[in-house]
């Protein structure tokens, strides 16, 4: 049994349709690229001056509670961007990527459950589809970013290495 199948999230019937989707993994890799990560930071907080060399990505970060034999995994954050503002300060952006269309309410429940155990500076939901005003209202403080043509080109290059430049 895979670790993702033993989480509290899975036991609460929040099955992850993207678990075995290569496009989901590619989206996480795309968002973690330094230039894309800086664009995410600018959208999340335009006042932040982030430094390219200080921003790092952490994939599939576990959210856990308890210690020892009582330790339980709540779930896994798809991507965390650790943004270094200066020598002494950094903040986290928690990113949940959904490639397969799911309800916004399910996304809100998942991220609120995560936030009850780990709360980054901001949560961001990333999807390939747009959301309407009602869905934006449901998200509340959770930000939404839509993947676009640049991601699709990145994904095409990953699927077909012949499209990638050779150095």
N, C-alpha and C. Protein backbone atom coordinates (compact mmCIF):
# COMPACT_ATOMS: atom_id res chain seq x y z
N UNK A 1 0.84 -1.18 0.00
CA UNK A 1 0.00 0.00 0.00
C UNK A 1 0.89 1.24 0.00
N UNK A 2 0.58 2.19 -0.84
CA UNK A 2 1.35 3.42 -0.98
C UNK A 2 1.07 4.35 0.19
N UNK A 3 2.06 5.15 0.59
CA UNK A 3 1.92 6.06 1.73
C UNK A 3 0.74 7.01 1.55
N UNK A 4 0.46 7.43 0.32
CA UNK A 4 -0.67 8.34 0.09
C UNK A 4 -2.00 7.68 0.41
N UNK A 5 -2.06 6.34 0.35
CA UNK A 5 -3.30 5.62 0.63
C UNK A 5 -3.56 5.44 2.11
N UNK A 6 -2.57 5.74 2.95
CA UNK A 6 -2.71 5.55 4.39
C UNK A 6 -2.89 6.87 5.14
N UNK A 7 -3.12 7.96 4.44
CA UNK A 7 -3.25 9.25 5.09
C UNK A 7 -4.64 9.45 5.65
N UNK A 8 -4.76 10.37 6.60
CA UNK A 8 -6.07 10.74 7.13
C UNK A 8 -6.95 11.26 6.00
N UNK A 9 -6.36 11.98 5.09
CA UNK A 9 -7.10 12.52 3.95
C UNK A 9 -7.75 11.40 3.15
N UNK A 10 -7.01 10.33 2.88
CA UNK A 10 -7.56 9.20 2.13
C UNK A 10 -8.66 8.50 2.93
N UNK A 11 -8.47 8.37 4.23
CA UNK A 11 -9.49 7.73 5.08
C UNK A 11 -10.78 8.55 5.14
N UNK A 12 -10.66 9.86 4.93
CA UNK A 12 -11.84 10.72 4.92
C UNK A 12 -12.47 10.79 3.53
N UNK A 13 -12.04 9.92 2.62
CA UNK A 13 -12.59 9.79 1.27
C UNK A 13 -12.23 10.96 0.36
N UNK A 14 -11.08 11.56 0.60
CA UNK A 14 -10.57 12.57 -0.32
C UNK A 14 -9.60 11.89 -1.28
N UNK A 15 -10.10 11.01 -2.11
CA UNK A 15 -9.22 10.32 -3.05
C UNK A 15 -8.58 11.32 -4.01
N UNK A 16 -7.31 11.12 -4.31
CA UNK A 16 -6.61 12.04 -5.20
C UNK A 16 -6.58 11.45 -6.60
N UNK A 17 -7.40 12.01 -7.48
CA UNK A 17 -7.48 11.52 -8.87
C UNK A 17 -6.17 11.75 -9.62
N UNK A 18 -5.35 12.67 -9.15
CA UNK A 18 -4.11 13.01 -9.84
C UNK A 18 -2.91 12.17 -9.39
N UNK A 19 -3.12 11.26 -8.46
CA UNK A 19 -2.01 10.53 -7.86
C UNK A 19 -1.09 9.87 -8.88
N UNK A 20 -1.63 9.35 -9.95
CA UNK A 20 -0.81 8.65 -10.94
C UNK A 20 -0.82 9.37 -12.29
N UNK A 21 -1.04 10.67 -12.25
CA UNK A 21 -1.14 11.46 -13.46
C UNK A 21 0.19 12.19 -13.70
N UNK A 22 0.85 11.86 -14.81
CA UNK A 22 2.17 12.46 -15.09
C UNK A 22 2.05 13.97 -15.32
N UNK A 23 0.90 14.44 -15.75
CA UNK A 23 0.72 15.88 -15.97
C UNK A 23 0.73 16.62 -14.63
N UNK A 24 0.23 15.97 -13.59
CA UNK A 24 0.25 16.55 -12.24
C UNK A 24 1.70 16.73 -11.79
N UNK A 25 2.51 15.69 -11.95
CA UNK A 25 3.92 15.77 -11.56
C UNK A 25 4.64 16.85 -12.37
N UNK A 26 4.33 16.92 -13.66
CA UNK A 26 4.96 17.94 -14.51
C UNK A 26 4.56 19.34 -14.06
N UNK A 27 3.32 19.52 -13.64
CA UNK A 27 2.87 20.83 -13.15
C UNK A 27 3.65 21.23 -11.91
N UNK A 28 3.88 20.29 -11.01
CA UNK A 28 4.66 20.58 -9.80
C UNK A 28 6.10 20.96 -10.18
N UNK A 29 6.68 20.22 -11.11
CA UNK A 29 8.04 20.53 -11.55
C UNK A 29 8.10 21.89 -12.23
N UNK A 30 7.10 22.19 -13.03
CA UNK A 30 7.02 23.48 -13.72
C UNK A 30 6.95 24.64 -12.72
N UNK A 31 6.07 24.49 -11.72
CA UNK A 31 5.90 25.54 -10.71
C UNK A 31 7.15 25.73 -9.85
N UNK A 32 7.96 24.68 -9.73
CA UNK A 32 9.18 24.74 -8.92
C UNK A 32 10.36 25.36 -9.65
N UNK A 33 10.27 25.51 -10.96
CA UNK A 33 11.37 26.13 -11.70
C UNK A 33 11.56 27.55 -11.18
N UNK A 34 12.79 27.99 -11.03
CA UNK A 34 13.04 29.29 -10.40
C UNK A 34 12.24 30.46 -10.99
N UNK A 35 12.22 30.59 -12.30
CA UNK A 35 11.51 31.72 -12.90
C UNK A 35 10.00 31.63 -12.68
N UNK A 36 9.45 30.40 -12.79
CA UNK A 36 8.02 30.22 -12.56
C UNK A 36 7.70 30.45 -11.09
N UNK A 37 8.55 29.96 -10.20
CA UNK A 37 8.33 30.16 -8.76
C UNK A 37 8.28 31.65 -8.42
N UNK A 38 9.17 32.43 -9.03
CA UNK A 38 9.15 33.86 -8.78
C UNK A 38 7.87 34.51 -9.28
N UNK A 39 7.34 34.02 -10.39
CA UNK A 39 6.06 34.53 -10.90
C UNK A 39 4.93 34.19 -9.92
N UNK A 40 4.98 32.99 -9.34
CA UNK A 40 3.98 32.61 -8.34
C UNK A 40 4.06 33.56 -7.15
N UNK A 41 5.27 33.85 -6.69
CA UNK A 41 5.46 34.77 -5.56
C UNK A 41 4.88 36.14 -5.88
N UNK A 42 5.14 36.64 -7.10
CA UNK A 42 4.64 37.96 -7.49
C UNK A 42 3.11 38.01 -7.49
N UNK A 43 2.48 36.93 -7.92
CA UNK A 43 1.02 36.88 -7.94
C UNK A 43 0.47 36.80 -6.52
N UNK A 44 1.11 35.99 -5.69
CA UNK A 44 0.65 35.79 -4.31
C UNK A 44 0.81 37.06 -3.48
N UNK A 45 1.96 37.71 -3.61
CA UNK A 45 2.22 38.93 -2.84
C UNK A 45 3.13 39.85 -3.65
N UNK A 46 2.51 40.77 -4.41
CA UNK A 46 3.31 41.66 -5.28
C UNK A 46 4.29 42.55 -4.53
N UNK A 47 4.11 42.72 -3.23
CA UNK A 47 5.01 43.58 -2.46
C UNK A 47 6.28 42.87 -2.02
N UNK A 48 6.29 41.56 -2.11
CA UNK A 48 7.45 40.79 -1.66
C UNK A 48 8.59 40.88 -2.67
N UNK A 49 9.76 41.09 -2.15
CA UNK A 49 10.96 41.05 -2.98
C UNK A 49 11.63 39.71 -2.67
N UNK A 50 11.42 38.77 -3.58
CA UNK A 50 12.01 37.45 -3.38
C UNK A 50 13.33 37.37 -4.15
N UNK A 51 14.22 36.57 -3.64
CA UNK A 51 15.52 36.40 -4.27
C UNK A 51 15.58 35.03 -4.93
N UNK A 52 15.92 35.04 -6.20
CA UNK A 52 15.95 33.80 -6.98
C UNK A 52 16.80 32.73 -6.30
N UNK A 53 17.97 33.12 -5.83
CA UNK A 53 18.87 32.12 -5.25
C UNK A 53 18.40 31.63 -3.89
N UNK A 54 17.48 32.33 -3.26
CA UNK A 54 17.02 31.92 -1.94
C UNK A 54 15.72 31.15 -1.94
N UNK A 55 15.06 31.05 -3.09
CA UNK A 55 13.78 30.34 -3.16
C UNK A 55 14.05 28.88 -3.47
N UNK A 56 13.46 28.00 -2.66
CA UNK A 56 13.65 26.56 -2.90
C UNK A 56 12.31 25.85 -2.88
N UNK A 57 12.26 24.70 -3.49
CA UNK A 57 11.02 23.94 -3.60
C UNK A 57 11.13 22.63 -2.84
N UNK A 58 10.03 22.24 -2.24
CA UNK A 58 9.94 20.95 -1.55
C UNK A 58 8.70 20.23 -2.09
N UNK A 59 8.92 19.05 -2.66
CA UNK A 59 7.82 18.28 -3.26
C UNK A 59 7.24 17.30 -2.25
N UNK A 60 5.92 17.12 -2.32
CA UNK A 60 5.21 16.12 -1.52
C UNK A 60 5.58 16.19 -0.04
N UNK A 61 5.49 17.39 0.52
CA UNK A 61 5.83 17.59 1.93
C UNK A 61 4.74 16.95 2.81
N UNK A 62 5.12 16.03 3.69
CA UNK A 62 4.11 15.41 4.55
C UNK A 62 3.64 16.37 5.65
N UNK A 63 2.36 16.31 5.92
CA UNK A 63 1.79 17.02 7.08
C UNK A 63 1.42 15.92 8.06
N UNK A 64 1.98 16.00 9.26
CA UNK A 64 1.81 14.93 10.25
C UNK A 64 1.36 15.50 11.58
N UNK A 65 0.79 14.61 12.38
CA UNK A 65 0.46 14.98 13.76
C UNK A 65 0.88 13.83 14.65
N UNK A 66 1.10 14.14 15.92
CA UNK A 66 1.47 13.12 16.89
C UNK A 66 2.95 12.76 16.82
N UNK A 67 3.35 11.93 17.77
CA UNK A 67 4.74 11.48 17.89
C UNK A 67 4.78 9.97 18.05
N UNK A 68 5.90 9.39 17.65
CA UNK A 68 6.14 7.97 17.86
C UNK A 68 5.03 7.10 17.31
N UNK A 69 4.52 6.18 18.15
CA UNK A 69 3.49 5.25 17.69
C UNK A 69 2.17 5.95 17.39
N UNK A 70 2.02 7.20 17.83
CA UNK A 70 0.78 7.95 17.61
C UNK A 70 0.87 8.87 16.40
N UNK A 71 2.00 8.81 15.72
CA UNK A 71 2.21 9.68 14.56
C UNK A 71 1.29 9.27 13.41
N UNK A 72 0.60 10.24 12.84
CA UNK A 72 -0.32 10.01 11.73
C UNK A 72 -0.02 11.02 10.63
N UNK A 73 -0.02 10.55 9.41
CA UNK A 73 0.14 11.46 8.27
C UNK A 73 -1.24 11.96 7.86
N UNK A 74 -1.38 13.26 7.85
CA UNK A 74 -2.64 13.89 7.45
C UNK A 74 -2.76 13.88 5.94
N UNK A 75 -1.69 14.27 5.27
CA UNK A 75 -1.68 14.31 3.81
C UNK A 75 -0.33 14.81 3.33
N UNK A 76 -0.23 15.06 2.03
CA UNK A 76 1.00 15.54 1.43
C UNK A 76 0.71 16.80 0.63
N UNK A 77 1.44 17.87 0.91
CA UNK A 77 1.32 19.09 0.13
C UNK A 77 2.09 18.86 -1.17
N UNK A 78 1.44 19.09 -2.29
CA UNK A 78 2.09 18.82 -3.59
C UNK A 78 3.41 19.55 -3.72
N UNK A 79 3.42 20.84 -3.38
CA UNK A 79 4.62 21.63 -3.54
C UNK A 79 4.63 22.75 -2.50
N UNK A 80 5.77 22.94 -1.88
CA UNK A 80 5.96 24.08 -0.99
C UNK A 80 7.10 24.91 -1.55
N UNK A 81 6.83 26.19 -1.77
CA UNK A 81 7.89 27.11 -2.17
C UNK A 81 8.34 27.84 -0.91
N UNK A 82 9.59 27.68 -0.56
CA UNK A 82 10.19 28.39 0.56
C UNK A 82 10.86 29.62 -0.02
N UNK A 83 10.32 30.78 0.29
CA UNK A 83 10.75 32.03 -0.32
C UNK A 83 11.59 32.81 0.67
N UNK A 84 12.83 33.04 0.30
CA UNK A 84 13.75 33.80 1.16
C UNK A 84 13.63 35.27 0.82
N UNK A 85 13.25 36.06 1.80
CA UNK A 85 13.12 37.49 1.59
C UNK A 85 14.43 38.22 1.83
N UNK A 86 15.13 37.80 2.86
CA UNK A 86 16.43 38.38 3.17
C UNK A 86 17.21 37.33 3.94
N UNK A 87 18.29 37.75 4.53
CA UNK A 87 19.17 36.81 5.22
C UNK A 87 18.48 36.03 6.35
N UNK A 88 17.49 36.66 7.00
CA UNK A 88 16.90 36.07 8.20
C UNK A 88 15.44 35.65 8.06
N UNK A 89 14.80 36.01 6.96
CA UNK A 89 13.36 35.78 6.85
C UNK A 89 13.01 34.98 5.60
N UNK A 90 12.16 33.97 5.80
CA UNK A 90 11.60 33.24 4.68
C UNK A 90 10.16 32.88 5.03
N UNK A 91 9.37 32.63 3.99
CA UNK A 91 7.99 32.21 4.22
C UNK A 91 7.65 31.09 3.26
N UNK A 92 6.58 30.38 3.55
CA UNK A 92 6.19 29.22 2.75
C UNK A 92 4.90 29.52 1.99
N UNK A 93 4.87 29.03 0.76
CA UNK A 93 3.65 29.04 -0.05
C UNK A 93 3.29 27.58 -0.28
N UNK A 94 2.13 27.17 0.23
CA UNK A 94 1.65 25.80 0.05
C UNK A 94 0.85 25.72 -1.23
N UNK A 95 1.22 24.80 -2.12
CA UNK A 95 0.58 24.70 -3.43
C UNK A 95 -0.05 23.32 -3.59
N UNK A 96 -1.33 23.32 -3.93
CA UNK A 96 -2.06 22.10 -4.24
C UNK A 96 -2.42 22.16 -5.72
N UNK A 97 -1.98 21.15 -6.48
CA UNK A 97 -2.23 21.09 -7.91
C UNK A 97 -3.35 20.08 -8.18
N UNK A 98 -4.33 20.50 -8.96
CA UNK A 98 -5.41 19.61 -9.38
C UNK A 98 -5.46 19.65 -10.91
N UNK A 99 -5.17 18.53 -11.53
CA UNK A 99 -5.24 18.43 -12.99
C UNK A 99 -6.62 17.91 -13.40
N UNK A 100 -7.06 16.85 -12.74
CA UNK A 100 -8.42 16.35 -12.98
C UNK A 100 -9.39 17.29 -12.29
N UNK A 101 -10.46 17.63 -12.96
CA UNK A 101 -11.43 18.58 -12.40
C UNK A 101 -12.10 17.97 -11.17
N UNK A 102 -12.07 18.72 -10.08
CA UNK A 102 -12.73 18.35 -8.83
C UNK A 102 -13.50 19.57 -8.34
N UNK A 103 -14.40 19.35 -7.40
CA UNK A 103 -15.18 20.48 -6.92
C UNK A 103 -14.30 21.40 -6.07
N UNK A 104 -14.59 22.68 -6.15
CA UNK A 104 -13.86 23.66 -5.35
C UNK A 104 -14.09 23.39 -3.87
N UNK A 105 -15.29 22.95 -3.52
CA UNK A 105 -15.58 22.64 -2.11
C UNK A 105 -14.65 21.55 -1.59
N UNK A 106 -14.39 20.52 -2.39
CA UNK A 106 -13.45 19.47 -1.97
C UNK A 106 -12.05 20.03 -1.77
N UNK A 107 -11.63 20.93 -2.65
CA UNK A 107 -10.30 21.55 -2.52
C UNK A 107 -10.23 22.39 -1.24
N UNK A 108 -11.28 23.14 -0.97
CA UNK A 108 -11.32 23.97 0.24
C UNK A 108 -11.26 23.09 1.48
N UNK A 109 -12.03 22.01 1.51
CA UNK A 109 -11.99 21.10 2.67
C UNK A 109 -10.59 20.52 2.87
N UNK A 110 -9.97 20.08 1.77
CA UNK A 110 -8.63 19.51 1.87
C UNK A 110 -7.64 20.53 2.42
N UNK A 111 -7.63 21.73 1.88
CA UNK A 111 -6.64 22.72 2.31
C UNK A 111 -6.94 23.24 3.72
N UNK A 112 -8.19 23.30 4.10
CA UNK A 112 -8.50 23.70 5.49
C UNK A 112 -8.09 22.61 6.48
N UNK A 113 -8.24 21.36 6.08
CA UNK A 113 -7.74 20.27 6.94
C UNK A 113 -6.23 20.39 7.08
N UNK A 114 -5.53 20.58 5.98
CA UNK A 114 -4.08 20.76 6.04
C UNK A 114 -3.72 21.95 6.93
N UNK A 115 -4.44 23.06 6.75
CA UNK A 115 -4.13 24.29 7.50
C UNK A 115 -4.35 24.12 9.00
N UNK A 116 -5.16 23.16 9.40
CA UNK A 116 -5.35 22.96 10.83
C UNK A 116 -4.12 22.30 11.47
N UNK A 117 -3.19 21.79 10.63
CA UNK A 117 -1.97 21.18 11.14
C UNK A 117 -0.71 21.92 10.70
N UNK A 118 -0.77 22.60 9.57
CA UNK A 118 0.37 23.36 9.07
C UNK A 118 -0.17 24.53 8.26
N UNK A 119 0.25 25.72 8.62
CA UNK A 119 -0.31 26.89 7.97
C UNK A 119 0.79 27.75 7.35
N UNK A 120 0.94 27.67 6.03
CA UNK A 120 1.94 28.50 5.36
C UNK A 120 1.45 29.95 5.29
N UNK A 121 2.26 30.81 4.73
CA UNK A 121 1.90 32.21 4.51
C UNK A 121 0.61 32.28 3.69
N UNK A 122 0.51 31.44 2.67
CA UNK A 122 -0.69 31.41 1.82
C UNK A 122 -0.81 30.03 1.16
N UNK A 123 -2.05 29.62 0.93
CA UNK A 123 -2.32 28.40 0.15
C UNK A 123 -2.69 28.83 -1.26
N UNK A 124 -2.23 28.06 -2.24
CA UNK A 124 -2.53 28.33 -3.64
C UNK A 124 -3.05 27.04 -4.28
N UNK A 125 -4.20 27.15 -4.92
CA UNK A 125 -4.76 26.06 -5.70
C UNK A 125 -4.41 26.33 -7.16
N UNK A 126 -3.77 25.36 -7.82
CA UNK A 126 -3.36 25.51 -9.21
C UNK A 126 -4.13 24.49 -10.04
N UNK A 127 -4.80 24.98 -11.09
CA UNK A 127 -5.60 24.12 -11.96
C UNK A 127 -5.38 24.52 -13.42
N UNK A 128 -5.71 23.61 -14.36
CA UNK A 128 -5.65 24.00 -15.77
C UNK A 128 -6.94 24.69 -16.23
N UNK A 129 -7.92 24.78 -15.37
CA UNK A 129 -9.20 25.41 -15.74
C UNK A 129 -9.40 26.70 -14.96
N UNK A 130 -10.23 27.56 -15.53
CA UNK A 130 -10.56 28.81 -14.84
C UNK A 130 -11.67 28.54 -13.83
N UNK A 131 -11.81 29.44 -12.89
CA UNK A 131 -12.90 29.32 -11.93
C UNK A 131 -13.74 30.59 -12.00
N UNK A 132 -15.02 30.45 -11.66
CA UNK A 132 -15.92 31.61 -11.74
C UNK A 132 -15.93 32.37 -10.42
N UNK A 133 -16.69 33.45 -10.38
CA UNK A 133 -16.73 34.31 -9.19
C UNK A 133 -17.24 33.59 -7.95
N UNK A 134 -18.24 32.74 -8.11
CA UNK A 134 -18.76 31.98 -6.96
C UNK A 134 -17.69 31.06 -6.38
N UNK A 135 -16.94 30.42 -7.27
CA UNK A 135 -15.87 29.53 -6.81
C UNK A 135 -14.76 30.32 -6.13
N UNK A 136 -14.43 31.51 -6.68
CA UNK A 136 -13.43 32.37 -6.03
C UNK A 136 -13.88 32.74 -4.63
N UNK A 137 -15.16 33.03 -4.49
CA UNK A 137 -15.70 33.37 -3.18
C UNK A 137 -15.58 32.20 -2.22
N UNK A 138 -15.83 30.98 -2.72
CA UNK A 138 -15.71 29.78 -1.88
C UNK A 138 -14.27 29.59 -1.40
N UNK A 139 -13.31 29.92 -2.25
CA UNK A 139 -11.90 29.75 -1.89
C UNK A 139 -11.49 30.65 -0.72
N UNK A 140 -12.14 31.78 -0.56
CA UNK A 140 -11.79 32.70 0.53
C UNK A 140 -10.36 33.19 0.37
N UNK A 141 -9.53 32.91 1.38
CA UNK A 141 -8.13 33.36 1.38
C UNK A 141 -7.21 32.50 0.51
N UNK A 142 -7.72 31.37 0.02
CA UNK A 142 -6.91 30.50 -0.84
C UNK A 142 -6.83 31.15 -2.22
N UNK A 143 -5.62 31.29 -2.73
CA UNK A 143 -5.43 31.89 -4.05
C UNK A 143 -5.60 30.82 -5.13
N UNK A 144 -5.92 31.26 -6.34
CA UNK A 144 -6.04 30.34 -7.48
C UNK A 144 -5.14 30.82 -8.60
N UNK A 145 -4.41 29.90 -9.19
CA UNK A 145 -3.62 30.17 -10.39
C UNK A 145 -4.02 29.15 -11.45
N UNK A 146 -4.15 29.62 -12.68
CA UNK A 146 -4.51 28.75 -13.78
C UNK A 146 -3.28 28.48 -14.64
N UNK A 147 -3.03 27.20 -14.90
CA UNK A 147 -1.94 26.82 -15.80
C UNK A 147 -2.32 27.20 -17.23
N UNK A 148 -1.34 27.67 -17.99
CA UNK A 148 -1.65 28.14 -19.34
C UNK A 148 -0.77 27.52 -20.40
N UNK A 149 -0.59 28.25 -21.48
CA UNK A 149 0.15 27.76 -22.65
C UNK A 149 1.62 27.46 -22.34
N UNK A 150 2.22 28.25 -21.48
CA UNK A 150 3.64 28.03 -21.15
C UNK A 150 3.81 26.68 -20.47
N UNK A 151 2.86 26.34 -19.58
CA UNK A 151 2.91 25.02 -18.95
C UNK A 151 2.70 23.92 -19.98
N UNK A 152 1.73 24.10 -20.88
CA UNK A 152 1.46 23.07 -21.89
C UNK A 152 2.69 22.82 -22.75
N UNK A 153 3.43 23.87 -23.08
CA UNK A 153 4.67 23.71 -23.85
C UNK A 153 5.71 22.95 -23.03
N UNK A 154 5.82 23.28 -21.74
CA UNK A 154 6.74 22.58 -20.83
C UNK A 154 6.38 21.09 -20.78
N UNK A 155 5.08 20.80 -20.65
CA UNK A 155 4.62 19.42 -20.55
C UNK A 155 4.90 18.66 -21.86
N UNK A 156 4.69 19.30 -22.99
CA UNK A 156 4.97 18.67 -24.29
C UNK A 156 6.44 18.31 -24.41
N UNK A 157 7.31 19.21 -23.96
CA UNK A 157 8.76 18.92 -24.01
C UNK A 157 9.11 17.75 -23.10
N UNK A 158 8.43 17.65 -21.97
CA UNK A 158 8.72 16.53 -21.06
C UNK A 158 8.28 15.21 -21.64
N UNK A 159 7.13 15.22 -22.31
CA UNK A 159 6.60 13.98 -22.90
C UNK A 159 7.43 13.54 -24.09
N UNK A 160 7.94 14.50 -24.85
CA UNK A 160 8.69 14.20 -26.06
C UNK A 160 10.06 14.88 -25.98
N UNK A 161 11.07 14.15 -25.50
CA UNK A 161 12.40 14.73 -25.34
C UNK A 161 12.98 15.31 -26.62
N UNK A 162 12.51 14.87 -27.78
CA UNK A 162 13.04 15.41 -29.04
C UNK A 162 12.69 16.88 -29.20
N UNK A 163 11.68 17.37 -28.45
CA UNK A 163 11.30 18.77 -28.50
C UNK A 163 12.19 19.64 -27.61
N UNK A 164 12.96 19.02 -26.75
CA UNK A 164 13.84 19.76 -25.84
C UNK A 164 15.13 20.10 -26.53
N UNK A 165 15.67 21.28 -26.22
CA UNK A 165 16.97 21.63 -26.82
C UNK A 165 18.07 20.72 -26.27
N UNK A 166 19.00 20.37 -27.13
CA UNK A 166 20.12 19.52 -26.73
C UNK A 166 21.34 20.41 -26.61
N UNK A 167 22.03 20.29 -25.47
CA UNK A 167 23.22 21.12 -25.28
C UNK A 167 24.44 20.23 -25.17
